[in-house]
């Protein structure tokens, strides 16, 4: 095969992948309430459980992703690499970075999540870890995020103020054991960072 033909085939395959990625993103954003309803500044109350813990811990948090995780008047992500990384993960959960020009999106092979076919997209940004997102092919809803050494799956969908979101997340280690799981008991869109 000539080098020119090889280049043409690679360009054609890349264009097809870009069209598939756009279709996945469009369907996902619609399934989550549409672009104007995606969460950008919000507060949640959650109850999270470490491992097989039965009691759980209540926590309230306010987010202005990708950089800010408010605890009272303090940004607990500032200067804390782990919290900054987790705040970025929350931002990806909102789907907003899929529409951001600084995000690079690539098609991933489909996989099965909880018995359903899921379409995959890899998100990369300068200075950030790669994150893989998988969307239910039927509904367009976020089904799974692969991040660090974890698989995060989602269920129990709810709607608030036009935004649709999964109210339960289960974080599993690569071996399938549960690292933690959380239930979002309340979620509220904010107009401005409270008390700041």
N, C-alpha and C. Protein backbone atom coordinates (compact mmCIF):
# COMPACT_ATOMS: atom_id res chain seq x y z
N UNK A 1 0.85 -1.17 0.00
CA UNK A 1 0.00 0.00 0.00
C UNK A 1 0.90 1.23 0.00
N UNK A 2 0.55 2.21 -0.80
CA UNK A 2 1.36 3.41 -0.90
C UNK A 2 1.19 4.27 0.36
N UNK A 3 2.23 5.05 0.70
CA UNK A 3 2.13 5.93 1.88
C UNK A 3 0.97 6.93 1.77
N UNK A 4 0.70 7.40 0.56
CA UNK A 4 -0.40 8.35 0.37
C UNK A 4 -1.75 7.71 0.65
N UNK A 5 -1.94 6.48 0.18
CA UNK A 5 -3.19 5.77 0.43
C UNK A 5 -3.34 5.47 1.92
N UNK A 6 -2.25 5.09 2.57
CA UNK A 6 -2.27 4.84 4.02
C UNK A 6 -2.71 6.10 4.77
N UNK A 7 -2.13 7.24 4.38
CA UNK A 7 -2.50 8.51 5.02
C UNK A 7 -3.97 8.83 4.81
N UNK A 8 -4.47 8.60 3.62
CA UNK A 8 -5.87 8.86 3.31
C UNK A 8 -6.79 7.97 4.14
N UNK A 9 -6.42 6.70 4.30
CA UNK A 9 -7.23 5.78 5.11
C UNK A 9 -7.22 6.19 6.58
N UNK A 10 -6.07 6.61 7.10
CA UNK A 10 -5.97 7.06 8.50
C UNK A 10 -6.84 8.30 8.70
N UNK A 11 -6.78 9.24 7.76
CA UNK A 11 -7.58 10.47 7.87
C UNK A 11 -9.07 10.13 7.84
N UNK A 12 -9.47 9.19 6.96
CA UNK A 12 -10.87 8.79 6.87
C UNK A 12 -11.33 8.14 8.17
N UNK A 13 -10.50 7.25 8.73
CA UNK A 13 -10.84 6.58 10.00
C UNK A 13 -10.95 7.60 11.13
N UNK A 14 -10.03 8.58 11.15
CA UNK A 14 -10.08 9.61 12.19
C UNK A 14 -11.34 10.45 12.08
N UNK A 15 -11.74 10.78 10.85
CA UNK A 15 -12.97 11.57 10.66
C UNK A 15 -14.18 10.77 11.10
N UNK A 16 -14.21 9.48 10.81
CA UNK A 16 -15.32 8.64 11.26
C UNK A 16 -15.38 8.56 12.78
N UNK A 17 -14.21 8.41 13.42
CA UNK A 17 -14.17 8.38 14.89
C UNK A 17 -14.67 9.69 15.47
N UNK A 18 -14.25 10.82 14.88
CA UNK A 18 -14.69 12.13 15.36
C UNK A 18 -16.21 12.27 15.27
N UNK A 19 -16.80 11.77 14.20
CA UNK A 19 -18.26 11.81 14.06
C UNK A 19 -18.93 10.94 15.12
N UNK A 20 -18.36 9.78 15.40
CA UNK A 20 -18.92 8.89 16.42
C UNK A 20 -18.83 9.53 17.80
N UNK A 21 -17.68 10.15 18.10
CA UNK A 21 -17.50 10.83 19.39
C UNK A 21 -18.53 11.94 19.53
N UNK A 22 -18.71 12.74 18.49
CA UNK A 22 -19.69 13.84 18.55
C UNK A 22 -21.09 13.29 18.80
N UNK A 23 -21.45 12.20 18.14
CA UNK A 23 -22.79 11.61 18.33
C UNK A 23 -22.96 11.10 19.76
N UNK A 24 -21.93 10.49 20.33
CA UNK A 24 -21.99 10.00 21.72
C UNK A 24 -22.15 11.17 22.68
N UNK A 25 -21.35 12.22 22.47
CA UNK A 25 -21.40 13.40 23.35
C UNK A 25 -22.77 14.08 23.25
N UNK A 26 -23.27 14.27 22.02
CA UNK A 26 -24.58 14.92 21.85
C UNK A 26 -25.68 14.14 22.57
N UNK A 27 -25.67 12.82 22.42
CA UNK A 27 -26.70 11.98 23.06
C UNK A 27 -26.56 12.04 24.58
N UNK A 28 -25.32 12.01 25.07
CA UNK A 28 -25.08 12.04 26.52
C UNK A 28 -25.53 13.37 27.12
N UNK A 29 -25.14 14.47 26.49
CA UNK A 29 -25.51 15.79 27.01
C UNK A 29 -27.03 15.94 27.03
N UNK A 30 -27.69 15.48 25.99
CA UNK A 30 -29.16 15.52 25.97
C UNK A 30 -29.74 14.67 27.10
N UNK A 31 -29.19 13.47 27.30
CA UNK A 31 -29.69 12.57 28.36
C UNK A 31 -29.49 13.16 29.75
N UNK A 32 -28.53 14.07 29.89
CA UNK A 32 -28.24 14.69 31.19
C UNK A 32 -28.95 16.04 31.35
N UNK A 33 -29.84 16.37 30.41
CA UNK A 33 -30.65 17.58 30.56
C UNK A 33 -30.34 18.68 29.56
N UNK A 34 -29.35 18.49 28.71
CA UNK A 34 -28.99 19.51 27.72
C UNK A 34 -27.87 20.39 28.22
N UNK A 35 -27.15 21.02 27.29
CA UNK A 35 -25.95 21.80 27.63
C UNK A 35 -26.22 22.87 28.68
N UNK A 36 -27.32 23.62 28.55
CA UNK A 36 -27.56 24.73 29.49
C UNK A 36 -27.89 24.22 30.90
N UNK A 37 -28.28 22.96 31.02
CA UNK A 37 -28.63 22.42 32.34
C UNK A 37 -27.52 21.62 33.01
N UNK A 38 -26.37 21.46 32.35
CA UNK A 38 -25.28 20.74 33.00
C UNK A 38 -24.83 21.51 34.24
N UNK A 39 -24.38 20.79 35.24
CA UNK A 39 -24.00 21.39 36.52
C UNK A 39 -22.62 22.05 36.43
N UNK A 40 -22.57 23.32 36.84
CA UNK A 40 -21.30 24.04 36.80
C UNK A 40 -20.90 24.56 38.18
N UNK A 41 -21.85 24.90 39.00
CA UNK A 41 -21.62 25.34 40.37
C UNK A 41 -22.76 24.76 41.18
N UNK A 42 -22.44 23.91 42.15
CA UNK A 42 -23.51 23.18 42.84
C UNK A 42 -23.07 22.70 44.22
N UNK A 43 -24.09 22.33 44.98
CA UNK A 43 -23.89 21.80 46.32
C UNK A 43 -24.56 20.43 46.38
N UNK A 44 -23.92 19.50 47.08
CA UNK A 44 -24.59 18.23 47.31
C UNK A 44 -24.42 17.81 48.75
N UNK A 45 -25.37 17.02 49.19
CA UNK A 45 -25.29 16.35 50.48
C UNK A 45 -25.24 14.87 50.13
N UNK A 46 -24.25 14.19 50.64
CA UNK A 46 -24.09 12.79 50.32
C UNK A 46 -23.87 11.96 51.58
N UNK A 47 -24.11 10.69 51.44
CA UNK A 47 -23.76 9.73 52.48
C UNK A 47 -22.87 8.71 51.79
N UNK A 48 -21.61 8.61 52.25
CA UNK A 48 -20.70 7.68 51.60
C UNK A 48 -20.29 6.57 52.57
N UNK A 49 -19.98 5.44 51.98
CA UNK A 49 -19.66 4.23 52.72
C UNK A 49 -18.32 3.69 52.21
N UNK A 50 -17.38 3.49 53.10
CA UNK A 50 -16.09 2.92 52.72
C UNK A 50 -16.17 1.41 52.74
N UNK A 51 -15.77 0.78 51.66
CA UNK A 51 -15.79 -0.67 51.57
C UNK A 51 -17.17 -1.23 51.85
N UNK A 52 -17.23 -2.17 52.78
CA UNK A 52 -18.50 -2.82 53.12
C UNK A 52 -19.16 -2.19 54.35
N UNK A 53 -18.71 -0.98 54.71
CA UNK A 53 -19.26 -0.27 55.86
C UNK A 53 -20.79 -0.15 55.76
N UNK A 54 -21.48 -0.27 56.89
CA UNK A 54 -22.95 -0.24 56.90
C UNK A 54 -23.52 1.11 57.32
N UNK A 55 -22.81 1.86 58.16
CA UNK A 55 -23.35 3.10 58.72
C UNK A 55 -23.23 4.29 57.78
N UNK A 56 -22.10 4.48 57.18
CA UNK A 56 -21.88 5.60 56.27
C UNK A 56 -21.60 6.91 57.00
N UNK A 57 -21.11 7.88 56.25
CA UNK A 57 -20.75 9.19 56.77
C UNK A 57 -21.44 10.26 55.94
N UNK A 58 -22.11 11.19 56.61
CA UNK A 58 -22.75 12.31 55.91
C UNK A 58 -21.72 13.39 55.60
N UNK A 59 -21.86 14.00 54.43
CA UNK A 59 -20.94 15.08 54.06
C UNK A 59 -21.67 16.02 53.13
N UNK A 60 -21.42 17.32 53.31
CA UNK A 60 -21.91 18.34 52.39
C UNK A 60 -20.71 18.93 51.68
N UNK A 61 -20.87 19.24 50.42
CA UNK A 61 -19.78 19.83 49.66
C UNK A 61 -20.35 20.77 48.63
N UNK A 62 -19.56 21.77 48.30
CA UNK A 62 -19.92 22.72 47.26
C UNK A 62 -18.79 22.69 46.23
N UNK A 63 -19.18 22.62 44.96
CA UNK A 63 -18.20 22.47 43.90
C UNK A 63 -18.32 23.57 42.87
N UNK A 64 -17.16 24.04 42.45
CA UNK A 64 -17.03 24.94 41.32
C UNK A 64 -15.89 24.35 40.48
N UNK A 65 -16.19 23.18 39.86
CA UNK A 65 -15.12 22.47 39.16
C UNK A 65 -14.65 23.23 37.92
N UNK A 66 -13.42 22.99 37.49
CA UNK A 66 -12.58 21.86 37.84
C UNK A 66 -11.62 22.09 38.99
N UNK A 67 -11.60 23.27 39.61
CA UNK A 67 -10.57 23.56 40.59
C UNK A 67 -11.03 23.70 42.03
N UNK A 68 -12.30 23.98 42.28
CA UNK A 68 -12.70 24.40 43.62
C UNK A 68 -13.67 23.40 44.26
N UNK A 69 -13.34 22.99 45.48
CA UNK A 69 -14.17 22.12 46.33
C UNK A 69 -14.28 22.83 47.66
N UNK A 70 -15.41 23.48 47.89
CA UNK A 70 -15.59 24.29 49.09
C UNK A 70 -16.02 23.42 50.27
N UNK A 71 -15.39 23.66 51.40
CA UNK A 71 -15.82 23.14 52.70
C UNK A 71 -15.92 24.38 53.58
N UNK A 72 -17.16 24.86 53.78
CA UNK A 72 -17.32 26.15 54.44
C UNK A 72 -16.76 27.24 53.54
N UNK A 73 -15.88 28.07 54.04
CA UNK A 73 -15.30 29.14 53.23
C UNK A 73 -13.93 28.76 52.68
N UNK A 74 -13.50 27.52 52.89
CA UNK A 74 -12.17 27.10 52.47
C UNK A 74 -12.24 26.18 51.24
N UNK A 75 -11.39 26.48 50.25
CA UNK A 75 -11.25 25.61 49.09
C UNK A 75 -10.29 24.48 49.48
N UNK A 76 -10.83 23.31 49.81
CA UNK A 76 -9.99 22.22 50.29
C UNK A 76 -9.24 21.51 49.17
N UNK A 77 -9.49 21.91 47.93
CA UNK A 77 -8.72 21.35 46.81
C UNK A 77 -7.42 22.13 46.58
N UNK A 78 -7.38 23.38 47.01
CA UNK A 78 -6.21 24.23 46.79
C UNK A 78 -5.00 23.64 47.51
N UNK A 79 -3.94 23.40 46.75
CA UNK A 79 -2.71 22.90 47.34
C UNK A 79 -2.75 21.43 47.73
N UNK A 80 -3.83 20.74 47.42
CA UNK A 80 -3.96 19.32 47.76
C UNK A 80 -4.15 18.54 46.45
N UNK A 81 -3.10 17.88 45.99
CA UNK A 81 -3.13 17.21 44.68
C UNK A 81 -4.24 16.17 44.59
N UNK A 82 -4.46 15.41 45.67
CA UNK A 82 -5.49 14.37 45.65
C UNK A 82 -6.88 15.00 45.53
N UNK A 83 -7.17 16.03 46.32
CA UNK A 83 -8.48 16.69 46.25
C UNK A 83 -8.66 17.41 44.91
N UNK A 84 -7.60 17.99 44.38
CA UNK A 84 -7.68 18.64 43.08
C UNK A 84 -8.04 17.62 42.01
N UNK A 85 -7.42 16.44 42.08
CA UNK A 85 -7.70 15.37 41.14
C UNK A 85 -9.16 14.91 41.28
N UNK A 86 -9.64 14.79 42.51
CA UNK A 86 -11.03 14.37 42.74
C UNK A 86 -12.02 15.44 42.29
N UNK A 87 -11.65 16.72 42.44
CA UNK A 87 -12.51 17.80 41.97
C UNK A 87 -12.61 17.76 40.44
N UNK A 88 -11.50 17.44 39.80
CA UNK A 88 -11.53 17.28 38.35
C UNK A 88 -12.43 16.10 37.96
N UNK A 89 -12.37 15.01 38.71
CA UNK A 89 -13.24 13.86 38.46
C UNK A 89 -14.71 14.29 38.56
N UNK A 90 -15.06 15.08 39.57
CA UNK A 90 -16.44 15.57 39.70
C UNK A 90 -16.82 16.40 38.48
N UNK A 91 -15.88 17.21 37.99
CA UNK A 91 -16.16 18.03 36.81
C UNK A 91 -16.45 17.13 35.61
N UNK A 92 -15.67 16.09 35.43
CA UNK A 92 -15.91 15.16 34.32
C UNK A 92 -17.29 14.52 34.49
N UNK A 93 -17.67 14.19 35.72
CA UNK A 93 -18.99 13.61 36.02
C UNK A 93 -20.12 14.52 35.53
N UNK A 94 -19.90 15.84 35.54
CA UNK A 94 -20.93 16.79 35.08
C UNK A 94 -21.06 16.81 33.55
N UNK A 95 -20.10 16.26 32.84
CA UNK A 95 -19.98 16.23 31.38
C UNK A 95 -19.56 17.56 30.77
N UNK A 96 -19.41 18.61 31.54
CA UNK A 96 -19.02 19.91 31.00
C UNK A 96 -17.71 19.84 30.21
N UNK A 97 -16.69 19.09 30.67
CA UNK A 97 -15.44 19.08 29.89
C UNK A 97 -15.57 18.45 28.50
N UNK A 98 -16.63 17.68 28.27
CA UNK A 98 -16.83 17.12 26.93
C UNK A 98 -17.14 18.20 25.91
N UNK A 99 -17.56 19.37 26.40
CA UNK A 99 -17.89 20.50 25.52
C UNK A 99 -16.81 21.58 25.53
N UNK A 100 -15.77 21.38 26.31
CA UNK A 100 -14.72 22.37 26.48
C UNK A 100 -13.65 22.20 25.40
N UNK A 101 -13.24 23.30 24.79
CA UNK A 101 -12.29 23.23 23.67
C UNK A 101 -10.92 22.70 24.09
N UNK A 102 -10.57 22.78 25.35
CA UNK A 102 -9.27 22.30 25.80
C UNK A 102 -9.24 20.80 26.08
N UNK A 103 -10.39 20.15 25.99
CA UNK A 103 -10.45 18.69 26.18
C UNK A 103 -10.23 18.01 24.84
N UNK A 104 -9.44 16.97 24.87
CA UNK A 104 -9.24 16.13 23.68
C UNK A 104 -10.05 14.86 23.90
N UNK A 105 -10.91 14.53 22.95
CA UNK A 105 -11.78 13.37 23.07
C UNK A 105 -11.40 12.34 22.02
N UNK A 106 -11.36 11.09 22.44
CA UNK A 106 -11.04 9.99 21.52
C UNK A 106 -12.01 8.85 21.75
N UNK A 107 -12.33 8.16 20.67
CA UNK A 107 -13.24 7.03 20.73
C UNK A 107 -12.54 5.83 21.38
N UNK A 108 -13.26 5.16 22.26
CA UNK A 108 -12.78 3.92 22.87
C UNK A 108 -13.66 2.77 22.39
N UNK A 109 -13.16 1.55 22.47
CA UNK A 109 -14.01 0.41 22.12
C UNK A 109 -15.19 0.32 23.09
N UNK A 110 -16.32 -0.14 22.58
CA UNK A 110 -17.49 -0.35 23.44
C UNK A 110 -17.17 -1.42 24.48
N UNK A 111 -17.87 -1.37 25.59
CA UNK A 111 -17.78 -2.44 26.57
C UNK A 111 -19.14 -2.63 27.22
N UNK A 112 -19.24 -3.65 28.05
CA UNK A 112 -20.51 -3.94 28.72
C UNK A 112 -20.44 -3.44 30.15
N UNK A 113 -21.46 -2.69 30.56
CA UNK A 113 -21.56 -2.19 31.94
C UNK A 113 -22.90 -2.67 32.49
N UNK A 114 -22.86 -3.46 33.53
CA UNK A 114 -24.07 -4.00 34.14
C UNK A 114 -25.00 -4.65 33.11
N UNK A 115 -24.40 -5.42 32.20
CA UNK A 115 -25.18 -6.17 31.22
C UNK A 115 -25.66 -5.36 30.03
N UNK A 116 -25.25 -4.09 29.92
CA UNK A 116 -25.70 -3.24 28.81
C UNK A 116 -24.50 -2.73 28.03
N UNK A 117 -24.66 -2.58 26.73
CA UNK A 117 -23.60 -2.07 25.87
C UNK A 117 -23.37 -0.59 26.15
N UNK A 118 -22.09 -0.20 26.27
CA UNK A 118 -21.74 1.18 26.57
C UNK A 118 -20.69 1.68 25.58
N UNK A 119 -20.89 2.90 25.07
CA UNK A 119 -19.96 3.55 24.15
C UNK A 119 -18.95 4.34 24.96
N UNK A 120 -17.67 4.27 24.56
CA UNK A 120 -16.62 4.89 25.35
C UNK A 120 -15.94 6.07 24.70
N UNK A 121 -15.55 7.02 25.55
CA UNK A 121 -14.78 8.20 25.13
C UNK A 121 -13.66 8.40 26.14
N UNK A 122 -12.46 8.65 25.63
CA UNK A 122 -11.32 9.00 26.50
C UNK A 122 -11.18 10.52 26.48
N UNK A 123 -11.06 11.11 27.69
CA UNK A 123 -10.90 12.55 27.83
C UNK A 123 -9.49 12.83 28.31
N UNK A 124 -8.76 13.67 27.57
CA UNK A 124 -7.43 14.09 28.01
C UNK A 124 -7.37 15.61 27.99
N UNK A 125 -6.65 16.14 28.95
CA UNK A 125 -6.40 17.58 29.05
C UNK A 125 -4.98 17.76 29.56
N UNK A 126 -4.36 18.82 29.14
CA UNK A 126 -2.99 19.08 29.58
C UNK A 126 -2.95 19.20 31.11
N UNK A 127 -2.01 18.50 31.72
CA UNK A 127 -1.83 18.56 33.17
C UNK A 127 -2.82 17.73 33.97
N UNK A 128 -3.63 16.91 33.30
CA UNK A 128 -4.64 16.09 33.98
C UNK A 128 -4.47 14.63 33.59
N UNK A 129 -4.96 13.75 34.46
CA UNK A 129 -4.98 12.32 34.15
C UNK A 129 -6.01 12.05 33.06
N UNK A 130 -5.73 11.02 32.27
CA UNK A 130 -6.74 10.55 31.32
C UNK A 130 -7.91 9.96 32.09
N UNK A 131 -9.10 10.18 31.59
CA UNK A 131 -10.30 9.59 32.18
C UNK A 131 -11.12 8.99 31.04
N UNK A 132 -11.61 7.79 31.26
CA UNK A 132 -12.47 7.13 30.26
C UNK A 132 -13.90 7.13 30.76
N UNK A 133 -14.82 7.55 29.89
CA UNK A 133 -16.24 7.58 30.21
C UNK A 133 -16.97 6.62 29.28
N UNK A 134 -17.96 5.92 29.85
CA UNK A 134 -18.77 5.00 29.06
C UNK A 134 -20.24 5.35 29.27
N UNK A 135 -20.97 5.40 28.15
CA UNK A 135 -22.37 5.82 28.17
C UNK A 135 -23.26 4.69 27.67
N UNK A 136 -24.35 4.47 28.38
CA UNK A 136 -25.33 3.48 27.97
C UNK A 136 -25.76 3.80 26.54
N UNK A 137 -25.62 2.82 25.64
CA UNK A 137 -25.90 3.08 24.22
C UNK A 137 -27.37 3.36 23.97
N UNK A 138 -28.24 2.82 24.81
CA UNK A 138 -29.68 3.03 24.61
C UNK A 138 -30.13 4.40 25.13
N UNK A 139 -29.73 4.74 26.36
CA UNK A 139 -30.23 5.96 27.00
C UNK A 139 -29.31 7.16 26.86
N UNK A 140 -28.02 6.94 26.63
CA UNK A 140 -27.04 8.02 26.59
C UNK A 140 -26.54 8.43 27.97
N UNK A 141 -27.07 7.80 29.02
CA UNK A 141 -26.66 8.16 30.38
C UNK A 141 -25.24 7.64 30.69
N UNK A 142 -24.56 8.39 31.55
CA UNK A 142 -23.24 7.97 32.02
C UNK A 142 -23.38 6.66 32.78
N UNK A 143 -22.64 5.65 32.35
CA UNK A 143 -22.72 4.33 32.98
C UNK A 143 -21.48 4.03 33.83
N UNK A 144 -20.32 4.53 33.39
CA UNK A 144 -19.08 4.19 34.10
C UNK A 144 -18.00 5.21 33.77
N UNK A 145 -17.15 5.46 34.76
CA UNK A 145 -15.93 6.24 34.57
C UNK A 145 -14.78 5.37 35.05
N UNK A 146 -13.72 5.29 34.24
CA UNK A 146 -12.47 4.64 34.65
C UNK A 146 -11.49 5.75 34.98
N UNK A 147 -11.01 5.75 36.22
CA UNK A 147 -10.17 6.84 36.72
C UNK A 147 -9.15 6.26 37.69
N UNK A 148 -7.92 6.67 37.54
CA UNK A 148 -6.83 6.11 38.35
C UNK A 148 -6.88 4.59 38.24
N UNK A 149 -7.04 3.92 39.38
CA UNK A 149 -7.13 2.45 39.37
C UNK A 149 -8.54 2.00 39.73
N UNK A 150 -9.53 2.85 39.47
CA UNK A 150 -10.90 2.57 39.86
C UNK A 150 -11.86 2.58 38.67
N UNK A 151 -12.95 1.82 38.83
CA UNK A 151 -14.10 1.87 37.93
C UNK A 151 -15.25 2.42 38.77
N UNK A 152 -15.87 3.50 38.30
CA UNK A 152 -17.00 4.10 39.00
C UNK A 152 -18.25 3.85 38.16
N UNK A 153 -19.26 3.20 38.75
CA UNK A 153 -20.51 2.97 38.02
C UNK A 153 -21.62 3.80 38.67
N UNK A 154 -22.66 4.06 37.88
CA UNK A 154 -23.70 5.00 38.29
C UNK A 154 -25.08 4.40 38.14
N UNK A 155 -25.99 4.81 39.05
CA UNK A 155 -27.39 4.35 38.99
C UNK A 155 -28.28 5.32 39.74
N UNK A 156 -29.57 5.00 39.81
CA UNK A 156 -30.57 5.78 40.54
C UNK A 156 -30.63 7.23 40.04
N UNK A 157 -31.09 7.38 38.81
CA UNK A 157 -31.10 8.70 38.16
C UNK A 157 -32.21 9.58 38.72
N UNK A 158 -31.84 10.87 38.90
CA UNK A 158 -32.78 11.87 39.39
C UNK A 158 -32.65 13.13 38.55
N UNK A 159 -33.56 14.07 38.78
CA UNK A 159 -33.51 15.34 38.08
C UNK A 159 -33.73 16.47 39.06
N UNK A 160 -32.93 17.53 38.93
CA UNK A 160 -33.12 18.73 39.71
C UNK A 160 -32.82 19.93 38.82
N UNK A 161 -33.78 20.85 38.76
CA UNK A 161 -33.60 22.09 38.02
C UNK A 161 -33.12 21.84 36.58
N UNK A 162 -33.67 20.80 35.95
CA UNK A 162 -33.34 20.50 34.56
C UNK A 162 -32.12 19.60 34.36
N UNK A 163 -31.30 19.45 35.39
CA UNK A 163 -30.11 18.59 35.30
C UNK A 163 -30.47 17.17 35.72
N UNK A 164 -30.09 16.20 34.90
CA UNK A 164 -30.29 14.79 35.25
C UNK A 164 -28.94 14.22 35.68
N UNK A 165 -28.97 13.48 36.78
CA UNK A 165 -27.70 12.99 37.35
C UNK A 165 -27.94 11.66 38.06
N UNK A 166 -26.89 10.85 38.15
CA UNK A 166 -27.01 9.60 38.90
C UNK A 166 -26.83 9.89 40.39
N UNK A 167 -27.79 9.45 41.20
CA UNK A 167 -27.75 9.74 42.64
C UNK A 167 -26.98 8.68 43.43
N UNK A 168 -26.43 7.69 42.75
CA UNK A 168 -25.62 6.69 43.43
C UNK A 168 -24.40 6.39 42.56
N UNK A 169 -23.25 6.33 43.22
CA UNK A 169 -22.00 5.97 42.55
C UNK A 169 -21.31 4.89 43.35
N UNK A 170 -20.83 3.86 42.67
CA UNK A 170 -20.10 2.77 43.31
C UNK A 170 -18.69 2.76 42.72
N UNK A 171 -17.70 2.91 43.60
CA UNK A 171 -16.30 2.95 43.19
C UNK A 171 -15.68 1.60 43.50
N UNK A 172 -15.25 0.91 42.44
CA UNK A 172 -14.64 -0.41 42.61
C UNK A 172 -13.17 -0.37 42.23
N UNK A 173 -12.39 -1.18 42.94
CA UNK A 173 -10.99 -1.36 42.57
C UNK A 173 -10.94 -2.24 41.33
N UNK A 174 -9.78 -2.29 40.70
CA UNK A 174 -9.64 -3.10 39.47
C UNK A 174 -9.99 -4.56 39.71
N UNK A 175 -9.83 -5.07 40.95
CA UNK A 175 -10.15 -6.47 41.24
C UNK A 175 -11.65 -6.69 41.44
N UNK A 176 -12.45 -5.61 41.35
CA UNK A 176 -13.90 -5.71 41.48
C UNK A 176 -14.43 -5.45 42.88
N UNK A 177 -13.54 -5.39 43.88
CA UNK A 177 -14.00 -5.14 45.25
C UNK A 177 -14.41 -3.68 45.40
N UNK A 178 -15.35 -3.42 46.31
CA UNK A 178 -15.86 -2.06 46.51
C UNK A 178 -14.88 -1.25 47.36
N UNK A 179 -14.45 -0.12 46.80
CA UNK A 179 -13.62 0.83 47.54
C UNK A 179 -14.51 1.72 48.39
N UNK A 180 -15.55 2.27 47.76
CA UNK A 180 -16.56 3.06 48.47
C UNK A 180 -17.78 3.20 47.57
N UNK A 181 -18.89 3.57 48.18
CA UNK A 181 -20.06 3.93 47.39
C UNK A 181 -20.74 5.09 48.08
N UNK A 182 -21.44 5.88 47.30
CA UNK A 182 -22.04 7.09 47.83
C UNK A 182 -23.43 7.30 47.25
N UNK A 183 -24.29 7.87 48.09
CA UNK A 183 -25.63 8.28 47.66
C UNK A 183 -25.71 9.79 47.78
N UNK A 184 -26.15 10.45 46.72
CA UNK A 184 -26.35 11.88 46.76
C UNK A 184 -27.77 12.12 47.25
N UNK A 185 -27.89 12.59 48.47
CA UNK A 185 -29.20 12.77 49.11
C UNK A 185 -29.87 14.05 48.66
N UNK A 186 -29.08 15.06 48.40
CA UNK A 186 -29.59 16.35 47.92
C UNK A 186 -28.60 16.92 46.92
N UNK A 187 -29.11 17.62 45.93
CA UNK A 187 -28.26 18.32 44.98
C UNK A 187 -28.95 19.63 44.64
N UNK A 188 -28.18 20.72 44.67
CA UNK A 188 -28.75 22.04 44.42
C UNK A 188 -27.81 22.83 43.52
N UNK A 189 -28.36 23.40 42.47
CA UNK A 189 -27.57 24.29 41.61
C UNK A 189 -27.40 25.62 42.34
N UNK A 190 -26.22 26.20 42.28
CA UNK A 190 -25.95 27.48 42.92
C UNK A 190 -25.72 28.56 41.87
N UNK A 191 -26.10 29.79 42.20
CA UNK A 191 -25.89 30.91 41.28
C UNK A 191 -24.52 31.54 41.49
N UNK A 192 -24.04 31.46 42.71
CA UNK A 192 -22.71 31.99 43.03
C UNK A 192 -22.16 31.22 44.21
N UNK A 193 -20.84 31.22 44.37
CA UNK A 193 -20.28 30.52 45.53
C UNK A 193 -20.84 31.11 46.81
N UNK A 194 -21.44 30.27 47.67
CA UNK A 194 -22.08 30.81 48.87
C UNK A 194 -21.10 31.41 49.88
N UNK A 195 -21.48 32.55 50.42
CA UNK A 195 -20.70 33.18 51.48
C UNK A 195 -19.34 33.67 51.06
N UNK A 196 -19.13 33.90 49.76
CA UNK A 196 -17.81 34.35 49.32
C UNK A 196 -17.94 35.66 48.57
